[in-house]
Protein backbone atom coordinates (compact mmCIF):
# COMPACT_ATOMS: atom_id res chain seq x y z
CA MET A 1 98.10 159.76 64.63
CA LEU A 2 97.77 156.32 63.08
CA ALA A 3 98.42 154.51 66.39
CA GLU A 4 95.41 156.28 67.89
CA ARG A 5 93.11 155.27 65.03
CA ASN A 6 94.19 151.65 64.75
CA PRO A 7 94.28 149.62 68.01
CA HIS A 8 96.66 147.05 66.49
CA ILE A 9 99.18 149.73 65.58
CA GLY A 10 98.65 151.37 68.94
CA ARG A 11 99.43 148.07 70.67
CA ALA A 12 102.50 147.55 68.46
CA VAL A 13 103.78 151.02 69.36
CA ALA A 14 103.21 150.27 73.05
CA VAL A 15 105.12 146.98 72.75
CA LEU A 16 108.00 148.73 70.96
CA LYS A 17 108.17 151.36 73.70
CA GLU A 18 108.15 148.63 76.32
CA LEU A 19 110.97 146.77 74.58
CA ARG A 20 112.99 149.95 74.28
CA GLU A 21 112.49 150.65 77.96
CA ASP A 22 113.39 147.06 78.82
CA GLU A 23 116.68 147.43 76.93
CA ARG A 24 117.50 150.55 78.92
CA THR A 25 116.53 148.79 82.12
CA ARG A 26 118.62 145.77 81.19
CA LEU A 27 121.65 147.95 80.51
CA LEU A 28 121.14 149.80 83.76
CA VAL A 29 120.82 146.57 85.73
CA GLU A 30 123.93 145.16 84.05
CA SER A 31 125.84 148.31 84.88
CA HIS A 32 124.82 148.14 88.52
CA GLN A 33 125.63 144.43 88.68
CA LYS A 34 129.08 145.03 87.21
CA ALA A 35 129.71 147.75 89.78
CA ARG A 36 128.69 145.36 92.57
CA TRP A 37 130.97 142.62 91.21
CA ASP A 38 133.86 145.06 90.92
CA GLU A 39 133.36 146.15 94.52
CA GLU A 40 133.18 142.53 95.71
CA LEU A 41 136.42 141.77 93.88
CA ARG A 42 138.12 144.79 95.46
CA ILE A 43 136.99 143.63 98.91
CA GLU A 44 138.12 140.06 98.28
CA ALA A 45 141.51 141.28 97.05
CA ALA A 46 141.92 143.48 100.13
CA LEU A 47 141.00 140.59 102.43
CA ALA A 48 143.41 138.26 100.64
CA GLU A 49 146.18 140.85 100.97
CA GLY A 50 145.35 141.18 104.66
CA ARG A 51 145.55 137.40 105.14
CA ILE A 52 148.94 137.29 103.42
CA GLU A 53 150.24 140.14 105.58
CA GLU A 54 148.97 138.35 108.69
CA LYS A 55 150.73 135.13 107.67
CA LEU A 56 153.95 137.03 107.05
CA GLU A 57 153.75 138.69 110.47
CA ILE A 58 153.16 135.32 112.13
CA ALA A 59 156.16 133.94 110.26
CA ARG A 60 158.32 136.88 111.37
CA SER A 61 157.29 136.36 114.98
CA ALA A 62 157.95 132.62 114.75
CA LEU A 63 161.40 133.25 113.25
CA ARG A 64 162.23 135.68 116.07
CA ALA A 65 161.15 132.99 118.54
CA GLY A 66 163.59 130.57 116.89
CA MET A 67 161.05 128.29 115.26
CA ALA A 68 162.21 126.13 112.33
CA VAL A 69 161.36 127.33 108.82
CA ALA A 70 159.73 123.99 107.96
CA ASP A 71 157.43 124.25 110.98
CA ILE A 72 156.53 127.83 110.13
CA ALA A 73 155.76 126.77 106.56
CA THR A 74 153.45 124.03 107.85
CA ILE A 75 151.60 126.41 110.13
CA THR A 76 151.31 129.42 107.80
CA LYS A 77 151.10 127.60 104.45
CA LEU A 78 153.83 129.96 103.19
CA SER A 79 156.67 128.49 101.16
CA SER A 80 160.09 128.04 102.72
CA LYS A 81 161.43 130.61 100.24
CA GLU A 82 158.87 133.18 101.36
CA ILE A 83 159.79 132.58 104.99
CA GLU A 84 163.52 132.64 104.37
CA ALA A 85 163.11 135.97 102.55
CA LEU A 86 161.91 137.42 105.86
CA HIS A 87 165.31 136.91 107.57
């Protein structure tokens, strides 16, 4: 083989193999990173949903206790419309 007889060609072949492997590695790393980001986004979305549900439950409890909608809005950071929809 020519690469075996000529050290320059042999080195060029080695560099090409290395670059090809690096591309595969890069794609693999990007794929894993994307999967991690997707999972982080799913977790963040679930936490945000949980926080909203918690605020709504606090608002329901406050309404049952006779608290004013404006005060509940201040405490929960929900809009008056969101709170009034709970009645």
